[in-house]
Amino acid sequence: MKADADPNLICYFDGQYIPMREARIGILTHALHYGTGVFEGIRAYWNEAQEELYILRPTEHYRRWKQNCGILHIDIPHSPEDLCSITAELARRNHFRTDLYIRPLAYKSAERIGVAIDDQDAFFIAAVPYGEYLHSENGLHAGVSSWRRIEDNAIPPRAKICGAYANSALAGDEARRSGFDEAILLNESGHVTEGATCNLFMLRKGRLITPAVTDNILEGITRDFIRELAAHELGIETEERPIARSELYVCDELFLTGTAVGLAPVVRVDHRPIASGAIGEVTHRLRQLYFDATHGRLPAYRKWLLPVYGGPSPHEQCAEQAPLTSVA
């Protein structure tokens, strides 16, 4: 899905809430030329019956963002709790009553030529109405890309560094031009890593399997949430290990997870059906659980939701949320 932003929407830029049309970055900005920025993606879901907008796991996202910014020596002068409050206020000022995608981005802001980084940093937070990223109601057809996932010792995939996403853009473009819905990338050792912009799970012999964080993948917050739902609601544990390409062809079920995609079933890979070629039972149940949890319908998972229009203040709610037991 493409989300063309309304220039009249309010964003948080240079310490102020201003219309997007007034937020401008110079053409010589370092991050534009050299990819020296770090971004996050955060979802918010509108529950019409409750008339509430729930921001999903914002504290965890902002903790990860601040940690990843440190890789590029970018300083964010706000706590995760303060960033939660800014984001909730941003949603209120825009009077959002729909699902959202929230984009914080920190970047090297010097306006000059030269690749060396300095201590000139800036950041903004924008939010736009956003529905499905991948239309996966009937399952996706994925293709293994000829582009390899970048190595951690080149540009760390876990860090969501802007320049690294040229790798994802190339793989995703190749997939779409080849008639696929999404790309699956391998690492330099030939093992499966993830989709172009999302983590990957397969089901084999009653167990969920996902690549380890050392296989050059994003340490996905949605990935962590799906593991928790599978264990607590379905009694299915997740194993981290290398996945061979051919295992994708013989697994029982396959799906992708991520902030933008949520949980997206994959029913074909490289023109080969996964099992019967239909969405599997475990995938179907997990997708429904994820939908209900993110829309505030499962009380056990309300701890991961920040209500925008009701409940405790954003700062109080975010401060009470415990860190992830695993950031994977």
Protein backbone atom coordinates (compact mmCIF):
# COMPACT_ATOMS: atom_id res chain seq x y z
CA MET A 1 0.00 0.00 0.00
CA LYS A 2 1.14 3.52 -0.74
CA ALA A 3 0.38 6.14 1.89
CA ASP A 4 0.63 9.60 0.36
CA ALA A 5 0.66 12.00 3.29
CA ASP A 6 -1.71 14.94 3.47
CA PRO A 7 0.57 18.01 3.71
CA ASN A 8 -1.87 19.51 6.20
CA LEU A 9 -1.31 16.72 8.73
CA ILE A 10 0.56 17.77 11.85
CA CYS A 11 4.01 16.30 12.48
CA TYR A 12 6.55 16.79 15.26
CA PHE A 13 9.55 18.54 13.70
CA ASP A 14 12.35 20.60 15.21
CA GLY A 15 10.68 20.44 18.62
CA GLN A 16 7.32 21.75 17.40
CA TYR A 17 3.96 20.44 16.19
CA ILE A 18 3.66 21.90 12.70
CA PRO A 19 1.93 21.04 9.38
CA MET A 20 3.97 18.69 7.21
CA ARG A 21 4.02 21.29 4.45
CA GLU A 22 6.13 23.49 6.72
CA ALA A 23 8.65 20.77 7.65
CA ARG A 24 11.57 21.13 5.27
CA ILE A 25 15.02 19.55 5.07
CA GLY A 26 17.83 21.05 2.96
CA ILE A 27 18.99 19.34 -0.22
CA LEU A 28 22.55 19.00 1.12
CA THR A 29 21.46 17.25 4.32
CA HIS A 30 23.99 14.54 5.15
CA ALA A 31 21.41 11.77 5.63
CA LEU A 32 19.90 12.39 2.19
CA HIS A 33 23.23 11.82 0.47
CA TYR A 34 24.77 9.11 2.64
CA GLY A 35 21.85 7.27 4.26
CA THR A 36 22.93 8.34 7.76
CA GLY A 37 19.58 8.11 9.46
CA VAL A 38 17.80 5.61 11.69
CA PHE A 39 14.05 5.14 11.57
CA GLU A 40 11.33 3.27 13.39
CA GLY A 41 7.90 2.06 12.37
CA ILE A 42 5.06 2.03 14.91
CA ARG A 43 1.47 0.99 14.33
CA ALA A 44 -1.71 2.34 15.89
CA TYR A 45 -5.08 0.63 15.50
CA TRP A 46 -8.53 2.19 15.70
CA ASN A 47 -11.27 0.30 17.59
CA GLU A 48 -14.57 1.72 16.38
CA ALA A 49 -16.69 0.03 19.05
CA GLN A 50 -14.52 1.41 21.86
CA GLU A 51 -13.85 4.71 20.06
CA GLU A 52 -10.21 4.31 21.00
CA LEU A 53 -6.92 4.47 19.11
CA TYR A 54 -4.31 2.06 20.44
CA ILE A 55 -0.60 2.62 19.77
CA LEU A 56 1.14 -0.75 19.69
CA ARG A 57 4.19 -1.21 21.92
CA PRO A 58 5.52 2.35 21.56
CA THR A 59 7.88 2.07 24.53
CA GLU A 60 9.67 -0.92 23.00
CA HIS A 61 9.90 0.79 19.63
CA TYR A 62 11.37 3.96 21.10
CA ARG A 63 13.85 2.01 23.25
CA ARG A 64 15.00 0.16 20.14
CA TRP A 65 15.17 3.39 18.15
CA LYS A 66 17.38 5.11 20.72
CA GLN A 67 19.66 2.06 20.96
CA ASN A 68 19.98 1.82 17.17
CA CYS A 69 20.66 5.56 16.86
CA GLY A 70 23.72 4.99 19.02
CA ILE A 71 25.27 2.91 16.25
CA LEU A 72 25.49 6.08 14.14
CA HIS A 73 26.28 8.30 17.14
CA ILE A 74 22.91 10.04 16.87
CA ASP A 75 21.57 11.43 20.13
CA ILE A 76 17.82 11.56 20.83
CA PRO A 77 17.36 14.07 23.69
CA HIS A 78 14.13 12.50 24.98
CA SER A 79 13.29 9.41 27.00
CA PRO A 80 11.13 6.65 25.50
CA GLU A 81 8.34 7.76 27.85
CA ASP A 82 8.54 11.35 26.63
CA LEU A 83 8.48 10.13 23.03
CA CYS A 84 5.33 8.14 23.82
CA SER A 85 3.69 11.30 25.11
CA ILE A 86 4.73 13.27 22.02
CA THR A 87 3.31 10.56 19.76
CA ALA A 88 -0.03 10.36 21.56
CA GLU A 89 -0.35 14.15 21.41
CA LEU A 90 0.48 14.04 17.71
CA ALA A 91 -2.39 11.60 17.14
CA ARG A 92 -4.78 13.78 19.13
CA ARG A 93 -3.83 16.96 17.27
CA ASN A 94 -4.60 15.21 13.99
CA HIS A 95 -7.92 13.87 15.35
CA PHE A 96 -7.10 10.44 13.96
CA ARG A 97 -9.93 7.88 13.95
CA THR A 98 -8.29 5.27 11.75
CA ASP A 99 -5.36 2.85 11.64
CA LEU A 100 -1.99 4.59 11.48
CA TYR A 101 1.62 4.12 10.59
CA ILE A 102 3.92 6.27 12.74
CA ARG A 103 7.41 7.11 11.46
CA PRO A 104 10.10 8.47 13.80
CA LEU A 105 13.33 9.24 11.97
CA ALA A 106 16.59 10.59 13.38
CA TYR A 107 19.30 11.73 11.03
CA LYS A 108 22.59 13.48 10.56
CA SER A 109 21.46 16.99 9.71
CA ALA A 110 24.61 18.85 8.63
CA GLU A 111 24.15 20.45 5.19
CA ARG A 112 27.42 19.82 3.45
CA ILE A 113 29.30 17.48 1.14
CA GLY A 114 31.54 14.88 2.81
CA VAL A 115 30.82 11.41 4.16
CA ALA A 116 32.39 11.89 7.61
CA ILE A 117 29.74 12.13 10.33
CA ASP A 118 29.63 14.81 13.00
CA ASP A 119 27.44 15.60 15.99
CA GLN A 120 24.74 17.56 14.16
CA ASP A 121 21.58 15.51 14.71
CA ALA A 122 17.85 16.07 14.26
CA PHE A 123 14.69 14.00 14.35
CA PHE A 124 11.01 14.12 13.50
CA ILE A 125 7.89 12.02 14.11
CA ALA A 126 5.17 11.77 11.47
CA ALA A 127 1.96 9.75 11.40
CA VAL A 128 -0.25 8.88 8.43
CA PRO A 129 -3.47 6.89 7.98
CA TYR A 130 -2.45 3.43 6.83
CA GLY A 131 -4.27 0.21 6.03
CA GLU A 132 -2.74 -3.03 4.77
CA TYR A 133 0.88 -2.95 3.64
CA LEU A 134 0.56 -6.26 1.80
CA HIS A 135 -2.86 -7.49 0.68
CA SER A 136 -2.61 -10.97 2.15
CA GLU A 137 -6.24 -11.98 2.70
CA ASN A 138 -5.78 -14.97 0.39
CA GLY A 139 -2.09 -15.47 1.11
CA LEU A 140 1.04 -14.16 -0.60
CA HIS A 141 3.22 -15.56 -3.37
CA ALA A 142 6.84 -14.91 -2.40
CA GLY A 143 10.01 -15.32 -4.39
CA VAL A 144 13.56 -15.90 -3.20
CA SER A 145 15.57 -12.89 -4.31
CA SER A 146 18.85 -12.94 -6.21
CA TRP A 147 19.92 -10.07 -3.93
CA ARG A 148 21.57 -11.21 -0.69
CA ARG A 149 20.78 -9.67 2.69
CA ILE A 150 23.55 -7.29 3.75
CA GLU A 151 25.90 -8.56 6.42
CA ASP A 152 26.01 -7.23 9.98
CA ASN A 153 29.64 -6.22 9.49
CA ALA A 154 28.65 -4.13 6.46
CA ILE A 155 25.49 -2.34 7.65
CA PRO A 156 23.70 -3.91 10.63
CA PRO A 157 20.21 -5.00 9.48
CA ARG A 158 19.02 -4.87 13.10
CA ALA A 159 19.58 -1.12 13.22
CA LYS A 160 17.01 0.15 10.66
CA ILE A 161 19.64 2.42 9.14
CA CYS A 162 18.18 4.33 6.21
CA GLY A 163 20.94 3.48 3.76
CA ALA A 164 20.49 -0.24 4.39
CA TYR A 165 17.01 -0.17 2.92
CA ALA A 166 18.38 0.15 -0.60
CA ASN A 167 18.95 -3.58 -0.13
CA SER A 168 15.26 -4.11 0.67
CA ALA A 169 14.16 -1.81 -2.16
CA LEU A 170 16.20 -3.76 -4.73
CA ALA A 171 14.86 -7.11 -3.51
CA GLY A 172 11.26 -5.92 -3.32
CA ASP A 173 11.41 -4.33 -6.78
CA GLU A 174 12.84 -7.52 -8.28
CA ALA A 175 10.09 -9.58 -6.65
CA ARG A 176 7.28 -7.38 -7.95
CA ARG A 177 8.73 -7.20 -11.46
CA SER A 178 8.91 -11.01 -11.42
CA GLY A 179 5.24 -11.33 -10.48
CA PHE A 180 5.68 -12.02 -6.76
CA ASP A 181 4.06 -10.19 -3.86
CA GLU A 182 7.16 -10.11 -1.65
CA ALA A 183 10.82 -11.07 -1.65
CA ILE A 184 12.59 -13.51 0.65
CA LEU A 185 16.29 -12.86 1.08
CA LEU A 186 19.14 -15.25 1.83
CA ASN A 187 22.34 -14.31 3.65
CA GLU A 188 25.82 -14.87 2.27
CA SER A 189 25.88 -18.41 3.69
CA GLY A 190 22.75 -19.22 1.68
CA HIS A 191 20.36 -19.44 4.62
CA VAL A 192 16.97 -17.75 4.77
CA THR A 193 16.92 -14.42 6.59
CA GLU A 194 13.61 -12.57 6.16
CA GLY A 195 11.36 -10.76 3.73
CA ALA A 196 12.32 -7.43 2.21
CA THR A 197 10.79 -5.57 5.17
CA CYS A 198 9.55 -8.29 7.53
CA ASN A 199 10.57 -11.30 9.60
CA LEU A 200 9.79 -14.88 8.60
CA PHE A 201 8.34 -17.91 10.41
CA MET A 202 7.68 -21.41 9.17
CA LEU A 203 5.80 -24.28 10.80
CA ARG A 204 7.35 -27.74 10.59
CA LYS A 205 6.28 -30.78 12.60
CA GLY A 206 4.28 -28.73 15.06
CA ARG A 207 6.99 -26.19 15.86
CA LEU A 208 7.45 -22.63 14.72
CA ILE A 209 10.93 -21.92 13.36
CA THR A 210 12.47 -18.53 12.67
CA PRO A 211 16.03 -17.46 11.80
CA ALA A 212 18.22 -16.32 14.68
CA VAL A 213 19.13 -12.67 15.15
CA THR A 214 22.70 -13.59 14.17
CA ASP A 215 21.45 -14.48 10.66
CA ASN A 216 21.36 -10.77 9.71
CA ILE A 217 17.73 -10.07 10.49
CA LEU A 218 15.84 -7.24 12.12
CA GLU A 219 15.20 -7.82 15.82
CA GLY A 220 11.50 -7.55 15.26
CA ILE A 221 9.09 -6.37 17.95
CA THR A 222 6.17 -7.92 16.08
CA ARG A 223 8.26 -11.10 15.80
CA ASP A 224 8.51 -11.12 19.59
CA PHE A 225 4.77 -10.53 19.96
CA ILE A 226 3.90 -13.46 17.64
CA ARG A 227 6.19 -15.76 19.61
CA GLU A 228 4.41 -14.74 22.80
CA LEU A 229 0.96 -15.28 21.30
CA ALA A 230 1.95 -18.68 19.91
CA ALA A 231 3.33 -19.85 23.24
CA HIS A 232 0.65 -18.45 25.55
CA GLU A 233 -2.45 -18.92 23.41
CA LEU A 234 -1.64 -21.97 21.27
CA GLY A 235 1.02 -23.75 23.33
CA ILE A 236 3.46 -23.65 20.39
CA GLU A 237 7.08 -22.84 21.11
CA THR A 238 9.40 -21.14 18.62
CA GLU A 239 12.85 -22.44 17.70
CA GLU A 240 15.58 -20.16 16.38
CA ARG A 241 17.91 -21.82 13.90
CA PRO A 242 19.24 -21.52 10.34
CA ILE A 243 16.66 -22.26 7.65
CA ALA A 244 17.67 -23.73 4.29
CA ARG A 245 15.98 -22.41 1.18
CA SER A 246 14.56 -25.81 0.30
CA GLU A 247 12.86 -26.03 3.70
CA LEU A 248 10.53 -23.28 2.53
CA TYR A 249 9.25 -25.64 -0.16
CA VAL A 250 8.45 -28.51 2.24
CA CYS A 251 7.26 -26.69 5.36
CA ASP A 252 3.69 -27.00 6.64
CA GLU A 253 2.95 -23.26 6.92
CA LEU A 254 4.79 -20.02 6.27
CA PHE A 255 4.13 -16.41 7.23
CA LEU A 256 5.75 -13.00 7.52
CA THR A 257 5.57 -10.58 10.45
CA GLY A 258 6.38 -6.92 10.91
CA THR A 259 5.07 -3.56 12.03
CA ALA A 260 3.72 -2.69 8.60
CA VAL A 261 2.57 -6.16 7.51
CA GLY A 262 1.25 -7.41 10.85
CA LEU A 263 1.02 -11.14 10.13
CA ALA A 264 0.87 -12.01 6.43
CA PRO A 265 0.41 -15.65 5.32
CA VAL A 266 2.55 -16.99 2.48
CA VAL A 267 0.92 -19.76 0.42
CA ARG A 268 3.43 -20.08 -2.44
CA VAL A 269 7.21 -19.69 -2.76
CA ASP A 270 8.98 -19.70 -6.10
CA HIS A 271 5.86 -21.05 -7.85
CA ARG A 272 5.58 -23.92 -5.36
CA PRO A 273 2.57 -24.25 -3.05
CA ILE A 274 3.13 -24.41 0.69
CA ALA A 275 1.43 -27.69 1.69
CA SER A 276 -2.10 -27.49 0.21
CA GLY A 277 -1.57 -23.95 -1.04
CA ALA A 278 -4.13 -22.55 1.40
CA ILE A 279 -3.61 -20.52 4.57
CA GLY A 280 -2.77 -22.95 7.38
CA GLU A 281 -4.72 -23.35 10.61
CA VAL A 282 -1.95 -22.09 12.93
CA THR A 283 -1.31 -19.08 10.71
CA HIS A 284 -5.02 -18.29 10.59
CA ARG A 285 -5.38 -18.52 14.37
CA LEU A 286 -2.29 -16.41 15.04
CA ARG A 287 -3.41 -13.75 12.59
CA GLN A 288 -6.80 -13.48 14.32
CA LEU A 289 -5.16 -13.37 17.75
CA TYR A 290 -2.82 -10.63 16.61
CA PHE A 291 -5.70 -8.63 15.14
CA ASP A 292 -7.75 -8.92 18.33
CA ALA A 293 -4.79 -8.13 20.60
CA THR A 294 -3.73 -5.03 18.67
CA HIS A 295 -7.29 -3.69 18.65
CA GLY A 296 -7.68 -3.94 22.42
CA ARG A 297 -9.97 -6.98 22.42
CA LEU A 298 -7.74 -9.29 24.49
CA PRO A 299 -7.32 -7.99 28.06
CA ALA A 300 -4.15 -10.04 28.65
CA TYR A 301 -2.31 -7.96 26.03
CA ARG A 302 -3.58 -4.49 26.90
CA LYS A 303 -0.21 -3.93 28.58
CA TRP A 304 1.29 -3.51 25.09
CA LEU A 305 -1.23 -0.87 24.00
CA LEU A 306 -1.16 2.86 24.64
CA PRO A 307 -4.68 4.35 24.41
CA VAL A 308 -4.69 7.82 22.86
CA TYR A 309 -8.09 9.13 23.91
CA GLY A 310 -8.68 7.44 27.27
CA GLY A 311 -7.01 5.65 30.17
CA PRO A 312 -3.84 6.76 32.00
CA SER A 313 -1.57 9.43 30.62
CA PRO A 314 0.85 8.26 27.90
CA HIS A 315 3.82 8.89 30.17
CA GLU A 316 2.34 6.80 33.01
CA GLN A 317 1.32 3.94 30.72
CA CYS A 318 4.66 3.78 28.90
CA ALA A 319 6.66 4.01 32.11
CA GLU A 320 4.78 1.02 33.54
CA GLN A 321 5.50 -1.23 30.58
CA ALA A 322 8.24 -3.74 31.32
CA PRO A 323 11.12 -4.16 28.85
CA LEU A 324 10.94 -7.12 26.49
CA THR A 325 12.38 -10.33 27.83
CA SER A 326 13.89 -10.68 24.39
CA VAL A 327 14.21 -8.01 21.75
CA ALA A 328 14.22 -10.70 19.08
